[in-house]
């Protein structure tokens, strides 16, 4: 069993800390479908307020999981931010797939068929 002992860095412990933050895996899962603007991303994950979404996006960008670009084709409108997964973020597809496989194997049919966002 991997665990943190005497202040030793434990990558599993740190990764769980990042990924367990509310909305993080929902954001990643949504961006696995391709780049999205802020409002599109907000609608895709559903239920996350703008301040929290902004905070999570900034944190994921700081960690190198997503990148933010400005849409240069705004044509007279306010510039629009586009969020994309980095290669490190794209590797989380394996984590999402593993969670899905586990859910299908161990959760009841009733729980699995409950509608979800994204």
N, C-alpha and C. Protein backbone atom coordinates (compact mmCIF):
# COMPACT_ATOMS: atom_id res chain seq x y z
N UNK A 1 0.83 -1.18 0.00
CA UNK A 1 0.00 0.00 0.00
C UNK A 1 0.88 1.24 0.00
N UNK A 2 0.57 2.18 -0.89
CA UNK A 2 1.35 3.41 -0.97
C UNK A 2 0.78 4.41 0.02
N UNK A 3 1.65 4.98 0.82
CA UNK A 3 1.18 5.99 1.76
C UNK A 3 2.29 7.00 2.05
N UNK A 4 1.89 8.11 2.58
CA UNK A 4 2.84 9.16 2.91
C UNK A 4 3.41 8.88 4.30
N UNK A 5 4.72 8.79 4.39
CA UNK A 5 5.35 8.52 5.67
C UNK A 5 6.40 9.58 5.95
N UNK A 6 6.36 10.15 7.14
CA UNK A 6 7.37 11.09 7.59
C UNK A 6 7.63 12.20 6.58
N UNK A 7 6.57 12.74 5.98
CA UNK A 7 6.72 13.85 5.05
C UNK A 7 7.24 13.46 3.68
N UNK A 8 7.40 12.18 3.41
CA UNK A 8 7.87 11.73 2.11
C UNK A 8 6.82 12.02 1.06
N UNK A 9 7.23 12.50 -0.09
CA UNK A 9 6.31 12.80 -1.18
C UNK A 9 5.69 11.52 -1.70
N UNK A 10 4.38 11.53 -1.81
CA UNK A 10 3.67 10.38 -2.34
C UNK A 10 2.84 10.84 -3.53
N UNK A 11 3.20 10.46 -4.75
CA UNK A 11 2.49 10.95 -5.92
C UNK A 11 1.01 10.55 -5.96
N UNK A 12 0.67 9.38 -5.47
CA UNK A 12 -0.72 8.96 -5.47
C UNK A 12 -1.53 9.86 -4.55
N UNK A 13 -1.03 10.13 -3.38
CA UNK A 13 -1.70 10.99 -2.41
C UNK A 13 -1.93 12.37 -3.01
N UNK A 14 -0.91 12.94 -3.64
CA UNK A 14 -1.01 14.28 -4.24
C UNK A 14 -1.98 14.28 -5.41
N UNK A 15 -1.93 13.26 -6.27
CA UNK A 15 -2.83 13.19 -7.42
C UNK A 15 -4.29 13.10 -6.97
N UNK A 16 -4.55 12.28 -5.96
CA UNK A 16 -5.91 12.17 -5.44
C UNK A 16 -6.36 13.52 -4.90
N UNK A 17 -5.47 14.23 -4.24
CA UNK A 17 -5.79 15.56 -3.72
C UNK A 17 -6.23 16.51 -4.83
N UNK A 18 -5.57 16.47 -5.96
CA UNK A 18 -5.92 17.33 -7.10
C UNK A 18 -7.23 16.87 -7.73
N UNK A 19 -7.34 15.59 -8.01
CA UNK A 19 -8.49 15.08 -8.77
C UNK A 19 -9.78 15.01 -7.96
N UNK A 20 -9.68 14.98 -6.62
CA UNK A 20 -10.89 14.88 -5.82
C UNK A 20 -11.59 16.22 -5.62
N UNK A 21 -10.94 17.32 -5.99
CA UNK A 21 -11.61 18.61 -5.86
C UNK A 21 -12.89 18.60 -6.68
N UNK A 22 -13.94 19.13 -6.10
CA UNK A 22 -15.24 19.11 -6.77
C UNK A 22 -15.14 19.79 -8.14
N UNK A 23 -15.68 19.14 -9.13
CA UNK A 23 -15.80 19.56 -10.53
C UNK A 23 -14.57 19.25 -11.38
N UNK A 24 -13.44 18.93 -10.80
CA UNK A 24 -12.22 18.73 -11.59
C UNK A 24 -12.39 17.61 -12.61
N UNK A 25 -12.82 16.43 -12.20
CA UNK A 25 -12.96 15.33 -13.16
C UNK A 25 -14.09 15.60 -14.15
N UNK A 26 -15.10 16.35 -13.74
CA UNK A 26 -16.17 16.73 -14.68
C UNK A 26 -15.62 17.65 -15.77
N UNK A 27 -14.76 18.58 -15.38
CA UNK A 27 -14.13 19.49 -16.34
C UNK A 27 -13.26 18.70 -17.30
N UNK A 28 -12.42 17.83 -16.77
CA UNK A 28 -11.54 17.02 -17.62
C UNK A 28 -12.36 16.16 -18.56
N UNK A 29 -13.38 15.51 -18.04
CA UNK A 29 -14.22 14.63 -18.88
C UNK A 29 -14.85 15.42 -20.01
N UNK A 30 -15.33 16.61 -19.72
CA UNK A 30 -15.93 17.44 -20.76
C UNK A 30 -14.92 17.85 -21.81
N UNK A 31 -13.72 18.21 -21.38
CA UNK A 31 -12.69 18.66 -22.33
C UNK A 31 -12.09 17.50 -23.13
N UNK A 32 -12.30 16.27 -22.69
CA UNK A 32 -11.86 15.13 -23.49
C UNK A 32 -12.60 15.10 -24.83
N UNK A 33 -13.76 15.73 -24.89
CA UNK A 33 -14.53 15.83 -26.13
C UNK A 33 -14.04 16.93 -27.06
N UNK A 34 -13.07 17.71 -26.61
CA UNK A 34 -12.52 18.78 -27.44
C UNK A 34 -12.56 20.12 -26.72
N UNK A 35 -11.89 21.12 -27.30
CA UNK A 35 -11.82 22.45 -26.69
C UNK A 35 -13.21 23.05 -26.49
N UNK A 36 -13.32 23.86 -25.43
CA UNK A 36 -14.59 24.51 -25.14
C UNK A 36 -14.34 25.91 -24.57
N UNK A 37 -15.26 26.81 -24.86
CA UNK A 37 -15.26 28.11 -24.22
C UNK A 37 -15.82 27.99 -22.81
N UNK A 38 -15.68 29.05 -22.04
CA UNK A 38 -16.12 29.03 -20.64
C UNK A 38 -17.59 28.67 -20.51
N UNK A 39 -18.46 29.37 -21.25
CA UNK A 39 -19.90 29.13 -21.13
C UNK A 39 -20.29 27.73 -21.60
N UNK A 40 -19.67 27.28 -22.68
CA UNK A 40 -19.94 25.93 -23.19
C UNK A 40 -19.53 24.89 -22.16
N UNK A 41 -18.39 25.11 -21.55
CA UNK A 41 -17.90 24.20 -20.51
C UNK A 41 -18.83 24.22 -19.30
N UNK A 42 -19.26 25.40 -18.91
CA UNK A 42 -20.18 25.53 -17.78
C UNK A 42 -21.48 24.75 -18.03
N UNK A 43 -22.02 24.88 -19.23
CA UNK A 43 -23.25 24.15 -19.56
C UNK A 43 -22.99 22.64 -19.61
N UNK A 44 -21.84 22.25 -20.12
CA UNK A 44 -21.52 20.82 -20.27
C UNK A 44 -21.42 20.12 -18.92
N UNK A 45 -20.82 20.78 -17.93
CA UNK A 45 -20.67 20.11 -16.64
C UNK A 45 -21.88 20.33 -15.74
N UNK A 46 -22.61 21.43 -15.94
CA UNK A 46 -23.85 21.69 -15.20
C UNK A 46 -23.68 21.81 -13.71
N UNK A 47 -24.28 22.83 -13.11
CA UNK A 47 -24.34 22.95 -11.66
C UNK A 47 -23.18 23.64 -10.97
N UNK A 48 -22.14 23.96 -11.68
CA UNK A 48 -20.97 24.61 -11.07
C UNK A 48 -21.11 26.12 -11.26
N UNK A 49 -21.01 26.89 -10.17
CA UNK A 49 -21.12 28.34 -10.33
C UNK A 49 -19.87 28.91 -10.99
N UNK A 50 -20.00 30.08 -11.56
CA UNK A 50 -18.93 30.69 -12.35
C UNK A 50 -17.64 30.91 -11.56
N UNK A 51 -17.77 31.34 -10.32
CA UNK A 51 -16.58 31.60 -9.50
C UNK A 51 -15.81 30.31 -9.25
N UNK A 52 -16.52 29.25 -8.94
CA UNK A 52 -15.86 27.96 -8.68
C UNK A 52 -15.24 27.43 -9.96
N UNK A 53 -15.96 27.52 -11.09
CA UNK A 53 -15.42 27.05 -12.35
C UNK A 53 -14.15 27.81 -12.71
N UNK A 54 -14.16 29.12 -12.54
CA UNK A 54 -12.98 29.94 -12.81
C UNK A 54 -11.81 29.49 -11.94
N UNK A 55 -12.07 29.25 -10.66
CA UNK A 55 -11.03 28.81 -9.73
C UNK A 55 -10.46 27.45 -10.15
N UNK A 56 -11.32 26.52 -10.50
CA UNK A 56 -10.85 25.19 -10.91
C UNK A 56 -10.04 25.27 -12.21
N UNK A 57 -10.52 26.06 -13.17
CA UNK A 57 -9.81 26.20 -14.43
C UNK A 57 -8.42 26.81 -14.22
N UNK A 58 -8.34 27.83 -13.37
CA UNK A 58 -7.04 28.44 -13.07
C UNK A 58 -6.10 27.44 -12.41
N UNK A 59 -6.64 26.64 -11.49
CA UNK A 59 -5.82 25.63 -10.82
C UNK A 59 -5.33 24.57 -11.78
N UNK A 60 -6.21 24.10 -12.67
CA UNK A 60 -5.82 23.08 -13.65
C UNK A 60 -4.81 23.63 -14.66
N UNK A 61 -4.96 24.91 -14.99
CA UNK A 61 -3.99 25.53 -15.89
C UNK A 61 -2.63 25.64 -15.20
N UNK A 62 -2.64 26.05 -13.95
CA UNK A 62 -1.40 26.16 -13.17
C UNK A 62 -0.67 24.81 -13.08
N UNK A 63 -1.44 23.73 -12.98
CA UNK A 63 -0.86 22.38 -12.88
C UNK A 63 -0.45 21.81 -14.24
N UNK A 64 -0.78 22.50 -15.33
CA UNK A 64 -0.42 22.02 -16.65
C UNK A 64 -1.35 20.95 -17.19
N UNK A 65 -2.58 20.89 -16.66
CA UNK A 65 -3.55 19.89 -17.11
C UNK A 65 -4.41 20.45 -18.24
N UNK A 66 -4.65 21.75 -18.21
CA UNK A 66 -5.37 22.41 -19.31
C UNK A 66 -4.57 23.62 -19.76
N UNK A 67 -4.88 24.08 -20.96
CA UNK A 67 -4.31 25.34 -21.43
C UNK A 67 -5.45 26.26 -21.84
N UNK A 68 -5.20 27.54 -21.73
CA UNK A 68 -6.21 28.56 -22.05
C UNK A 68 -5.67 29.40 -23.19
N UNK A 69 -6.50 29.60 -24.19
CA UNK A 69 -6.12 30.45 -25.32
C UNK A 69 -7.25 31.46 -25.53
N UNK A 70 -6.92 32.56 -26.21
CA UNK A 70 -7.93 33.57 -26.53
C UNK A 70 -8.35 33.39 -27.97
N UNK A 71 -9.67 33.36 -28.18
CA UNK A 71 -10.23 33.24 -29.52
C UNK A 71 -9.99 34.55 -30.25
N UNK A 72 -9.17 34.51 -31.29
CA UNK A 72 -8.82 35.71 -32.04
C UNK A 72 -9.89 36.13 -33.03
N UNK A 73 -10.92 35.31 -33.19
CA UNK A 73 -11.97 35.59 -34.16
C UNK A 73 -13.24 36.10 -33.48
N UNK A 74 -13.09 36.86 -32.41
CA UNK A 74 -14.25 37.35 -31.67
C UNK A 74 -15.02 38.42 -32.45
N UNK A 75 -14.41 39.04 -33.44
CA UNK A 75 -15.02 40.03 -34.33
C UNK A 75 -15.84 41.08 -33.60
N UNK A 76 -15.15 41.96 -32.91
CA UNK A 76 -15.81 43.07 -32.26
C UNK A 76 -16.40 42.75 -30.89
N UNK A 77 -16.47 41.50 -30.54
CA UNK A 77 -16.99 41.10 -29.23
C UNK A 77 -15.83 41.01 -28.25
N UNK A 78 -16.16 40.83 -27.00
CA UNK A 78 -15.11 40.58 -26.02
C UNK A 78 -14.40 39.29 -26.38
N UNK A 79 -13.09 39.27 -26.18
CA UNK A 79 -12.32 38.07 -26.48
C UNK A 79 -12.85 36.90 -25.66
N UNK A 80 -12.85 35.74 -26.27
CA UNK A 80 -13.40 34.54 -25.64
C UNK A 80 -12.26 33.60 -25.31
N UNK A 81 -12.29 33.04 -24.11
CA UNK A 81 -11.28 32.07 -23.70
C UNK A 81 -11.69 30.68 -24.14
N UNK A 82 -10.73 29.94 -24.65
CA UNK A 82 -10.95 28.56 -25.08
C UNK A 82 -10.04 27.68 -24.23
N UNK A 83 -10.62 26.64 -23.65
CA UNK A 83 -9.88 25.73 -22.79
C UNK A 83 -9.68 24.39 -23.49
N UNK A 84 -8.47 23.87 -23.39
CA UNK A 84 -8.08 22.62 -24.05
C UNK A 84 -7.25 21.80 -23.08
N UNK A 85 -7.36 20.50 -23.15
CA UNK A 85 -6.48 19.64 -22.35
C UNK A 85 -5.09 19.64 -22.94
N UNK A 86 -4.10 19.66 -22.08
CA UNK A 86 -2.71 19.47 -22.50
C UNK A 86 -2.48 17.96 -22.67
N UNK A 87 -1.34 17.55 -23.17
CA UNK A 87 -1.06 16.11 -23.23
C UNK A 87 -1.20 15.44 -21.85
N UNK A 88 -0.78 16.11 -20.79
CA UNK A 88 -0.94 15.54 -19.44
C UNK A 88 -2.41 15.39 -19.10
N UNK A 89 -3.22 16.35 -19.47
CA UNK A 89 -4.65 16.27 -19.23
C UNK A 89 -5.30 15.17 -20.05
N UNK A 90 -4.85 14.99 -21.28
CA UNK A 90 -5.40 13.94 -22.14
C UNK A 90 -5.11 12.56 -21.58
N UNK A 91 -4.00 12.43 -20.87
CA UNK A 91 -3.66 11.14 -20.26
C UNK A 91 -4.66 10.75 -19.18
N UNK A 92 -5.43 11.70 -18.68
CA UNK A 92 -6.45 11.39 -17.68
C UNK A 92 -7.61 10.60 -18.28
N UNK A 93 -7.65 10.45 -19.61
CA UNK A 93 -8.65 9.60 -20.25
C UNK A 93 -8.59 8.20 -19.64
N UNK A 94 -7.38 7.73 -19.35
CA UNK A 94 -7.21 6.40 -18.76
C UNK A 94 -7.86 6.33 -17.38
N UNK A 95 -7.76 7.40 -16.61
CA UNK A 95 -8.36 7.45 -15.28
C UNK A 95 -9.88 7.45 -15.40
N UNK A 96 -10.41 8.26 -16.30
CA UNK A 96 -11.86 8.33 -16.53
C UNK A 96 -12.38 6.96 -16.98
N UNK A 97 -11.66 6.33 -17.91
CA UNK A 97 -12.06 5.00 -18.39
C UNK A 97 -12.05 3.98 -17.25
N UNK A 98 -11.03 4.03 -16.41
CA UNK A 98 -10.93 3.09 -15.29
C UNK A 98 -12.09 3.29 -14.32
N UNK A 99 -12.46 4.54 -14.05
CA UNK A 99 -13.59 4.81 -13.17
C UNK A 99 -14.88 4.27 -13.79
N UNK A 100 -15.05 4.49 -15.09
CA UNK A 100 -16.23 3.99 -15.80
C UNK A 100 -16.31 2.47 -15.76
N UNK A 101 -15.18 1.81 -15.99
CA UNK A 101 -15.15 0.34 -15.95
C UNK A 101 -15.48 -0.18 -14.56
N UNK A 102 -14.93 0.47 -13.54
CA UNK A 102 -15.22 0.07 -12.17
C UNK A 102 -16.71 0.25 -11.87
N UNK A 103 -17.27 1.39 -12.30
CA UNK A 103 -18.70 1.66 -12.05
C UNK A 103 -19.58 0.60 -12.70
N UNK A 104 -19.27 0.25 -13.93
CA UNK A 104 -20.06 -0.77 -14.63
C UNK A 104 -19.96 -2.13 -13.95
N UNK A 105 -18.82 -2.43 -13.37
CA UNK A 105 -18.61 -3.72 -12.72
C UNK A 105 -19.19 -3.78 -11.31
N UNK A 106 -19.27 -2.63 -10.61
CA UNK A 106 -19.58 -2.68 -9.19
C UNK A 106 -20.78 -1.86 -8.72
N UNK A 107 -21.32 -1.00 -9.56
CA UNK A 107 -22.48 -0.23 -9.14
C UNK A 107 -23.74 -0.85 -9.71
N UNK A 108 -24.82 -0.67 -9.00
CA UNK A 108 -26.08 -1.27 -9.45
C UNK A 108 -26.54 -0.61 -10.75
N UNK A 109 -27.35 -1.35 -11.47
CA UNK A 109 -27.91 -0.86 -12.74
C UNK A 109 -28.68 0.44 -12.51
N UNK A 110 -29.39 0.51 -11.39
CA UNK A 110 -30.18 1.71 -11.07
C UNK A 110 -29.28 2.94 -10.91
N UNK A 111 -28.18 2.78 -10.24
CA UNK A 111 -27.24 3.89 -10.04
C UNK A 111 -26.60 4.29 -11.36
N UNK A 112 -26.20 3.33 -12.15
CA UNK A 112 -25.53 3.62 -13.42
C UNK A 112 -26.46 4.35 -14.39
N UNK A 113 -27.73 4.02 -14.38
CA UNK A 113 -28.68 4.62 -15.33
C UNK A 113 -29.20 5.98 -14.88
N UNK A 114 -28.80 6.44 -13.70
CA UNK A 114 -29.20 7.77 -13.25
C UNK A 114 -28.55 8.80 -14.17
N UNK A 115 -29.32 9.74 -14.73
CA UNK A 115 -28.75 10.74 -15.65
C UNK A 115 -27.63 11.53 -14.99
N UNK A 116 -26.62 11.87 -15.77
CA UNK A 116 -25.52 12.67 -15.26
C UNK A 116 -25.18 13.76 -16.27
N UNK A 117 -24.53 14.81 -15.78
CA UNK A 117 -24.14 15.94 -16.63
C UNK A 117 -22.95 15.54 -17.48
N UNK A 118 -22.76 16.27 -18.57
CA UNK A 118 -21.58 16.09 -19.42
C UNK A 118 -21.84 15.07 -20.42
